[in-house]
Amino acid sequence: MIYFDHNATTPVLPEAREAWLDAVDRFVGNPSSPHRLGARADRALAEAREQLAALLGCHALDIVWTSGATESNNMILAHLARDLSADAEIWISAIEHPCLLEATRLHFPDRHRLIPVQPGGGVDAGWLDRELRTARPAAIALMAANNETGVLQPWRNVRDLCRERGIPFICDAAQWIGKLPSSGLGDCDFVSGCAHKFGGPKGAGFLKVPERGRFHASIVGGQQEEGRRAGTENVAGVLSMMAALATREDRLADGVASRLELRGRFEARLLEALPGSEIVGAGCERLWNTVSALMPEADCRHRWVVKLDKAGFAVSTGSACASGKEEASHVLSAMGLDETQASRALRFSSGWETGEADWDALLRALVETAAT
């Protein structure tokens, strides 16, 4: 099987696997225990916290270990619901991951606005700038890179706008981290990330919180993580995550440009080989590994994903196709695509180890699938 679904989850790196096995053997104690074995585990977590803080550009005590970005995003919204006034309104982009969208609808059901996006898939920064001249939300959320289209969002600009106005800024960086430099994310008030998007284990992640002020815990029952998240920390998962992130950060210096070329070559050949296909977000800055394409066949029942799976390729679809029901992706809908267009969407997301031969094989499989 040739794997083109890295935005969903990425296979565990050898370095991460070795770090996990080593941690299981070396750090057997509970980090909260008072004996030496507990102290060793706690020290290992502290060193990992320092390592992540250095990459993000924040203080080590700003880091809270979690089970992943979904938990982290839910923690942020639960905290804000308790911390803000009863009439506070928050703004989030219309293309946020469902975990942040649903958490917003849960905690701020009638007190949120969706920031529109442009047809290319980037948030409408002009709209945001105009609205901020007359209104002041209690918080703003914008992801760093979209998981479906790969379109990079102007999170740095929005972060600066928020800082100028004293507005807390939330950035879901799950798709950014491990693919692009983490530096600068620490300047955001809240940042979420998860290990399994860049070669670490599932069930490990982090939340970066503001340096000053209390953070309300949504999981209670212990004083772990400075009272911000109860529960025994996943020491092996954290150390495995940091081993994976260190490996990925090392690749950034010389790997991104060549992979952008691979993606561009594939897209050009796809458009030529399959007339009627389109690239979502074409012309916008996107993650080097992500191609969201509208295929020429408009019938969702064509089941591209199933046929490609049988041909030995793991890809994903941009719309949910279920028996008797088609539901368009909220991301593609926000970009102005209708249900028919959205039903044609496939997402191909590669990894650092994906080579030119893999992209070539995928193109051949797409052409063969279209002919059947």
Protein backbone atom coordinates (compact mmCIF):
# COMPACT_ATOMS: atom_id res chain seq x y z
CA MET A 1 0.00 0.00 0.00
CA ILE A 2 1.33 3.45 -0.99
CA TYR A 3 0.24 5.90 1.69
CA PHE A 4 -1.15 9.32 0.71
CA ASP A 5 -3.13 10.16 3.85
CA HIS A 6 -0.49 11.74 6.09
CA ASN A 7 -2.77 14.64 7.04
CA ALA A 8 -5.02 12.12 8.77
CA THR A 9 -2.15 10.39 10.57
CA THR A 10 1.50 9.69 9.86
CA PRO A 11 3.30 6.38 10.43
CA VAL A 12 5.50 6.39 13.53
CA LEU A 13 9.11 7.30 12.80
CA PRO A 14 11.88 4.88 13.81
CA GLU A 15 13.33 7.60 16.06
CA ALA A 16 9.99 8.00 17.80
CA ARG A 17 9.55 4.25 18.25
CA GLU A 18 13.03 3.93 19.75
CA ALA A 19 12.42 6.86 22.09
CA TRP A 20 9.14 5.31 23.26
CA LEU A 21 10.73 1.92 23.94
CA ASP A 22 13.64 3.55 25.75
CA ALA A 23 11.28 5.65 27.89
CA VAL A 24 9.17 2.63 28.83
CA ASP A 25 12.30 0.93 30.16
CA ARG A 26 13.95 3.92 31.81
CA PHE A 27 11.09 5.96 33.24
CA VAL A 28 8.85 3.49 35.01
CA GLY A 29 7.76 5.80 37.83
CA ASN A 30 4.76 8.08 38.06
CA PRO A 31 6.04 11.66 37.56
CA SER A 32 4.01 12.75 40.57
CA SER A 33 5.52 10.17 42.94
CA PRO A 34 8.00 11.43 45.57
CA HIS A 35 10.61 8.69 45.13
CA ARG A 36 13.62 8.75 42.81
CA LEU A 37 11.90 6.83 40.01
CA GLY A 38 9.10 9.39 40.03
CA ALA A 39 11.60 12.25 40.08
CA ARG A 40 13.41 10.81 37.05
CA ALA A 41 10.18 10.65 35.07
CA ASP A 42 9.27 14.18 36.11
CA ARG A 43 12.70 15.43 35.10
CA ALA A 44 12.34 13.79 31.68
CA LEU A 45 9.03 15.61 31.18
CA ALA A 46 10.62 18.88 32.25
CA GLU A 47 13.45 18.46 29.74
CA ALA A 48 10.93 17.69 26.98
CA ARG A 49 8.98 20.80 27.98
CA GLU A 50 12.12 22.90 27.63
CA GLN A 51 12.81 21.34 24.23
CA LEU A 52 9.33 22.12 22.88
CA ALA A 53 9.33 25.62 24.34
CA ALA A 54 12.64 26.36 22.59
CA LEU A 55 11.16 25.28 19.24
CA LEU A 56 7.97 27.29 19.67
CA GLY A 57 9.61 30.31 21.25
CA CYS A 58 7.83 30.43 24.61
CA HIS A 59 8.43 29.63 28.29
CA ALA A 60 8.55 25.98 29.30
CA LEU A 61 5.84 26.49 31.92
CA ASP A 62 3.47 27.56 29.13
CA ILE A 63 3.35 23.94 27.89
CA VAL A 64 0.65 21.51 29.02
CA TRP A 65 0.90 17.87 27.91
CA THR A 66 -2.36 16.48 26.49
CA SER A 67 -3.62 13.51 24.48
CA GLY A 68 -3.71 15.48 21.22
CA ALA A 69 -5.05 18.55 19.43
CA THR A 70 -8.71 17.59 19.90
CA GLU A 71 -8.32 17.60 23.67
CA SER A 72 -6.22 20.76 23.55
CA ASN A 73 -8.79 22.67 21.49
CA ASN A 74 -11.61 21.52 23.75
CA MET A 75 -9.59 22.63 26.78
CA ILE A 76 -9.16 26.10 25.30
CA LEU A 77 -12.86 26.63 24.66
CA ALA A 78 -13.86 25.20 28.04
CA HIS A 79 -11.39 27.54 29.73
CA LEU A 80 -12.66 30.58 27.83
CA ALA A 81 -16.27 29.72 28.63
CA ARG A 82 -15.40 29.92 32.34
CA ASP A 83 -12.98 32.80 32.10
CA LEU A 84 -14.87 35.26 29.91
CA SER A 85 -17.95 37.28 30.72
CA ALA A 86 -21.40 35.85 30.03
CA ASP A 87 -21.89 38.09 26.99
CA ALA A 88 -18.43 37.56 25.46
CA GLU A 89 -18.30 36.70 21.75
CA ILE A 90 -15.50 34.82 19.99
CA TRP A 91 -14.63 34.73 16.30
CA ILE A 92 -13.31 31.64 14.56
CA SER A 93 -12.52 30.97 10.92
CA ALA A 94 -15.15 29.06 8.95
CA ILE A 95 -12.57 26.40 8.03
CA GLU A 96 -11.42 25.35 11.50
CA HIS A 97 -11.10 21.67 12.33
CA PRO A 98 -14.38 20.14 13.60
CA CYS A 99 -12.95 19.71 17.10
CA LEU A 100 -12.62 23.47 17.47
CA LEU A 101 -15.85 24.26 15.62
CA GLU A 102 -17.88 21.86 17.73
CA ALA A 103 -16.26 23.00 20.97
CA THR A 104 -17.15 26.58 20.04
CA ARG A 105 -20.77 25.63 19.31
CA LEU A 106 -20.93 23.79 22.62
CA HIS A 107 -19.53 26.53 24.84
CA PHE A 108 -20.53 29.63 22.84
CA PRO A 109 -23.65 28.48 20.95
CA ASP A 110 -25.08 31.97 20.35
CA ARG A 111 -21.91 33.96 20.94
CA HIS A 112 -19.60 33.25 18.03
CA ARG A 113 -19.03 34.51 14.51
CA LEU A 114 -17.46 32.68 11.60
CA ILE A 115 -14.68 34.57 9.84
CA PRO A 116 -15.25 34.08 6.10
CA VAL A 117 -12.62 32.73 3.73
CA GLN A 118 -11.79 33.70 0.18
CA PRO A 119 -12.44 31.38 -2.80
CA GLY A 120 -8.80 30.26 -2.72
CA GLY A 121 -9.16 28.92 0.81
CA GLY A 122 -7.38 31.61 2.84
CA VAL A 123 -9.17 33.51 5.57
CA ASP A 124 -10.49 36.91 4.48
CA ALA A 125 -8.00 39.15 6.29
CA GLY A 126 -9.65 42.25 4.82
CA TRP A 127 -12.97 41.32 6.41
CA LEU A 128 -11.26 40.75 9.73
CA ASP A 129 -9.43 44.07 9.59
CA ARG A 130 -12.65 45.97 8.77
CA GLU A 131 -14.69 44.27 11.48
CA LEU A 132 -12.05 44.86 14.13
CA ARG A 133 -12.36 48.60 13.57
CA THR A 134 -15.84 48.59 15.09
CA ALA A 135 -15.96 45.44 17.24
CA ARG A 136 -13.76 43.68 19.75
CA PRO A 137 -14.27 39.93 20.18
CA ALA A 138 -13.15 38.21 23.37
CA ALA A 139 -10.94 35.81 21.37
CA ILE A 140 -10.07 34.93 17.77
CA ALA A 141 -9.18 31.47 16.42
CA LEU A 142 -7.37 30.74 13.16
CA MET A 143 -5.57 27.53 12.25
CA ALA A 144 -2.06 27.67 10.83
CA ALA A 145 -2.72 25.40 7.85
CA ASN A 146 -5.93 23.78 6.70
CA ASN A 147 -6.10 20.02 6.98
CA GLU A 148 -8.24 19.50 3.86
CA THR A 149 -6.78 21.93 1.33
CA GLY A 150 -3.33 22.53 2.80
CA VAL A 151 -3.81 26.29 2.34
CA LEU A 152 -1.56 28.26 4.68
CA GLN A 153 -3.42 30.81 6.77
CA PRO A 154 -2.11 34.29 7.71
CA TRP A 155 -1.82 33.32 11.35
CA ARG A 156 1.16 35.58 11.99
CA ASN A 157 -0.72 38.65 10.71
CA VAL A 158 -3.82 37.78 12.73
CA ARG A 159 -1.67 37.09 15.79
CA ASP A 160 -0.19 40.58 15.48
CA LEU A 161 -3.63 42.17 14.98
CA CYS A 162 -4.82 40.45 18.14
CA ARG A 163 -1.75 41.47 20.12
CA GLU A 164 -2.21 45.13 19.15
CA ARG A 165 -5.78 45.01 20.44
CA GLY A 166 -5.24 42.80 23.48
CA ILE A 167 -7.38 39.99 22.06
CA PRO A 168 -6.43 36.39 22.95
CA PHE A 169 -5.41 34.45 19.83
CA ILE A 170 -5.92 30.70 19.34
CA CYS A 171 -3.93 28.79 16.72
CA ASP A 172 -4.51 25.14 15.86
CA ALA A 173 -1.10 24.16 14.50
CA ALA A 174 -1.71 20.42 14.13
CA GLN A 175 -1.02 20.41 10.38
CA TRP A 176 1.77 23.00 10.46
CA ILE A 177 4.07 21.48 13.05
CA GLY A 178 6.49 18.95 11.60
CA LYS A 179 5.97 20.23 8.06
CA LEU A 180 7.05 23.87 8.49
CA PRO A 181 9.15 25.63 11.15
CA SER A 182 7.57 25.84 14.60
CA SER A 183 9.35 29.08 15.42
CA GLY A 184 7.00 31.96 16.21
CA LEU A 185 4.04 29.85 17.26
CA GLY A 186 4.97 30.48 20.86
CA ASP A 187 3.93 34.12 20.42
CA CYS A 188 0.31 32.99 20.06
CA ASP A 189 -1.70 32.91 23.27
CA PHE A 190 -2.99 29.38 22.71
CA VAL A 191 -1.48 26.74 20.40
CA SER A 192 -2.55 23.12 19.95
CA GLY A 193 -0.59 20.28 18.38
CA CYS A 194 -0.48 16.49 18.22
CA ALA A 195 2.28 13.96 17.71
CA HIS A 196 0.68 11.62 15.22
CA LYS A 197 0.56 14.28 12.51
CA PHE A 198 4.38 14.32 12.23
CA GLY A 199 5.54 10.80 13.01
CA GLY A 200 4.95 10.55 16.74
CA PRO A 201 2.53 8.23 18.54
CA LYS A 202 -1.22 8.65 18.72
CA GLY A 203 -2.48 9.85 22.09
CA ALA A 204 0.23 12.45 22.69
CA GLY A 205 -0.05 16.19 22.17
CA PHE A 206 0.33 19.57 23.80
CA LEU A 207 -1.33 22.86 24.54
CA LYS A 208 0.52 26.14 24.81
CA VAL A 209 -1.26 28.55 27.17
CA PRO A 210 -0.68 32.24 27.99
CA GLU A 211 2.27 32.96 30.22
CA ARG A 212 0.22 34.96 32.71
CA GLY A 213 -3.15 34.24 34.22
CA ARG A 214 -4.96 31.19 35.50
CA PHE A 215 -5.96 28.39 33.16
CA HIS A 216 -9.14 26.57 34.16
CA ALA A 217 -8.73 22.81 34.03
CA SER A 218 -11.44 20.84 32.24
CA ILE A 219 -10.02 17.51 33.49
CA VAL A 220 -9.83 17.55 37.28
CA GLY A 221 -8.78 15.14 39.98
CA GLY A 222 -5.10 15.91 40.44
CA GLN A 223 -2.53 18.71 40.38
CA GLN A 224 -0.54 17.46 37.41
CA GLU A 225 0.58 20.01 34.79
CA GLU A 226 0.51 22.83 37.38
CA GLY A 227 -3.15 22.09 38.06
CA ARG A 228 -4.15 22.69 34.44
CA ARG A 229 -4.79 19.08 33.38
CA ALA A 230 -5.27 16.24 35.82
CA GLY A 231 -4.10 12.71 35.12
CA THR A 232 -0.79 10.84 35.04
CA GLU A 233 1.30 12.17 32.18
CA ASN A 234 2.17 9.95 29.24
CA VAL A 235 5.95 10.12 29.66
CA ALA A 236 6.79 7.66 26.88
CA GLY A 237 4.35 9.35 24.50
CA VAL A 238 5.78 12.80 25.20
CA LEU A 239 9.39 11.70 24.71
CA SER A 240 8.45 9.83 21.55
CA MET A 241 6.65 12.93 20.26
CA MET A 242 9.66 15.13 20.88
CA ALA A 243 11.99 12.65 19.15
CA ALA A 244 9.72 12.78 16.09
CA LEU A 245 9.52 16.56 16.13
CA ALA A 246 13.30 16.93 16.43
CA THR A 247 13.71 14.64 13.41
CA ARG A 248 11.19 16.63 11.38
CA GLU A 249 12.68 20.00 12.30
CA ASP A 250 16.07 18.76 11.12
CA ARG A 251 14.57 18.00 7.69
CA LEU A 252 13.15 21.48 7.17
CA ALA A 253 16.43 23.14 6.22
CA ASP A 254 16.84 21.34 2.92
CA GLY A 255 13.66 19.38 2.26
CA VAL A 256 10.72 21.72 1.58
CA ALA A 257 11.72 23.17 -1.81
CA SER A 258 12.28 19.81 -3.47
CA ARG A 259 8.95 18.51 -2.18
CA LEU A 260 7.13 21.56 -3.48
CA GLU A 261 8.58 20.69 -6.89
CA LEU A 262 7.27 17.13 -6.61
CA ARG A 263 3.81 18.39 -5.72
CA GLY A 264 3.80 20.95 -8.54
CA ARG A 265 4.89 18.38 -11.11
CA PHE A 266 2.16 15.98 -10.02
CA GLU A 267 -0.52 18.66 -10.18
CA ALA A 268 0.49 19.78 -13.66
CA ARG A 269 0.46 16.21 -14.97
CA LEU A 270 -2.86 15.47 -13.25
CA LEU A 271 -4.57 18.43 -14.92
CA GLU A 272 -3.18 17.35 -18.28
CA ALA A 273 -4.02 13.67 -17.91
CA LEU A 274 -7.55 14.15 -16.55
CA PRO A 275 -9.31 17.06 -18.30
CA GLY A 276 -11.96 18.57 -16.07
CA SER A 277 -9.99 18.10 -12.87
CA GLU A 278 -9.14 21.13 -10.71
CA ILE A 279 -6.72 21.91 -7.90
CA VAL A 280 -8.38 23.41 -4.83
CA GLY A 281 -6.43 26.39 -3.55
CA ALA A 282 -4.32 26.68 -6.71
CA GLY A 283 -2.32 29.90 -6.62
CA CYS A 284 -2.32 30.04 -2.81
CA GLU A 285 0.54 29.08 -0.54
CA ARG A 286 -0.12 25.52 0.61
CA LEU A 287 1.56 22.80 2.58
CA TRP A 288 4.17 21.10 0.42
CA ASN A 289 2.58 17.71 1.03
CA THR A 290 -1.10 18.43 0.29
CA VAL A 291 -3.08 18.25 -2.94
CA SER A 292 -6.85 18.71 -2.83
CA ALA A 293 -8.23 17.94 -6.28
CA LEU A 294 -11.67 17.99 -7.82
CA MET A 295 -11.84 14.95 -10.04
CA PRO A 296 -13.65 15.01 -13.39
CA GLU A 297 -16.24 12.44 -12.26
CA ALA A 298 -19.05 14.21 -10.39
CA ASP A 299 -20.86 11.16 -9.03
CA CYS A 300 -19.92 10.48 -5.41
CA ARG A 301 -20.95 6.86 -5.91
CA HIS A 302 -17.95 6.53 -8.21
CA ARG A 303 -16.10 5.94 -4.94
CA TRP A 304 -12.62 6.98 -5.93
CA VAL A 305 -11.28 6.19 -2.48
CA VAL A 306 -12.54 2.60 -2.59
CA LYS A 307 -11.20 1.95 -6.07
CA LEU A 308 -7.82 3.49 -5.27
CA ASP A 309 -7.67 1.44 -2.10
CA LYS A 310 -8.14 -1.72 -4.15
CA ALA A 311 -5.37 -0.48 -6.45
CA GLY A 312 -3.03 -0.14 -3.45
CA PHE A 313 -3.29 3.58 -2.59
CA ALA A 314 -4.55 5.15 0.64
CA VAL A 315 -6.13 8.56 -0.04
CA SER A 316 -9.02 10.48 1.48
CA THR A 317 -12.04 12.37 0.21
CA GLY A 318 -12.99 15.98 0.70
CA SER A 319 -16.65 15.10 1.22
CA ALA A 320 -18.39 12.53 3.36
CA CYS A 321 -20.02 9.90 1.16
CA ALA A 322 -22.40 7.63 2.99
CA SER A 323 -25.15 5.30 1.91
CA GLY A 324 -28.09 7.44 0.82
CA LYS A 325 -26.48 10.68 1.97
CA GLU A 326 -23.86 13.12 0.78
CA GLU A 327 -22.64 15.88 3.06
CA ALA A 328 -20.31 18.50 1.64
CA SER A 329 -17.13 19.41 3.47
CA HIS A 330 -17.62 22.55 5.56
CA VAL A 331 -14.22 23.76 4.33
CA LEU A 332 -15.14 23.47 0.66
CA SER A 333 -18.57 24.97 1.33
CA ALA A 334 -16.96 27.96 3.04
CA MET A 335 -14.81 28.42 -0.08
CA GLY A 336 -17.96 28.66 -2.20
CA LEU A 337 -18.01 25.17 -3.71
CA ASP A 338 -21.42 23.55 -4.06
CA GLU A 339 -22.26 19.97 -3.08
CA THR A 340 -21.68 18.63 -6.58
CA GLN A 341 -18.21 20.13 -6.73
CA ALA A 342 -17.40 19.00 -3.20
CA SER A 343 -18.42 15.44 -4.03
CA ARG A 344 -15.58 15.34 -6.55
CA ALA A 345 -12.87 16.20 -4.02
CA LEU A 346 -9.97 13.91 -3.19
CA ARG A 347 -7.08 14.74 -0.87
CA PHE A 348 -3.60 13.38 -1.43
CA SER A 349 -1.26 14.11 1.48
CA SER A 350 2.29 12.84 1.29
CA GLY A 351 5.03 12.42 3.87
CA TRP A 352 8.70 13.29 4.03
CA GLU A 353 9.52 9.80 2.77
CA THR A 354 7.17 9.97 -0.24
CA GLY A 355 9.23 10.02 -3.44
CA GLU A 356 8.75 10.90 -7.09
CA ALA A 357 8.06 7.27 -7.94
CA ASP A 358 5.16 7.27 -5.47
CA TRP A 359 3.61 10.38 -7.03
CA ASP A 360 4.06 8.88 -10.51
CA ALA A 361 2.39 5.65 -9.42
CA LEU A 362 -0.52 7.59 -7.93
CA LEU A 363 -1.05 9.47 -11.18
CA ARG A 364 -1.12 6.22 -13.16
CA ALA A 365 -3.64 4.78 -10.73
CA LEU A 366 -5.86 7.86 -11.03
CA VAL A 367 -5.85 7.65 -14.82
CA GLU A 368 -6.64 3.93 -14.70
CA THR A 369 -9.42 4.51 -12.16
CA ALA A 370 -10.97 7.23 -14.28
CA ALA A 371 -11.11 4.81 -17.22
CA THR A 372 -13.01 2.11 -15.29
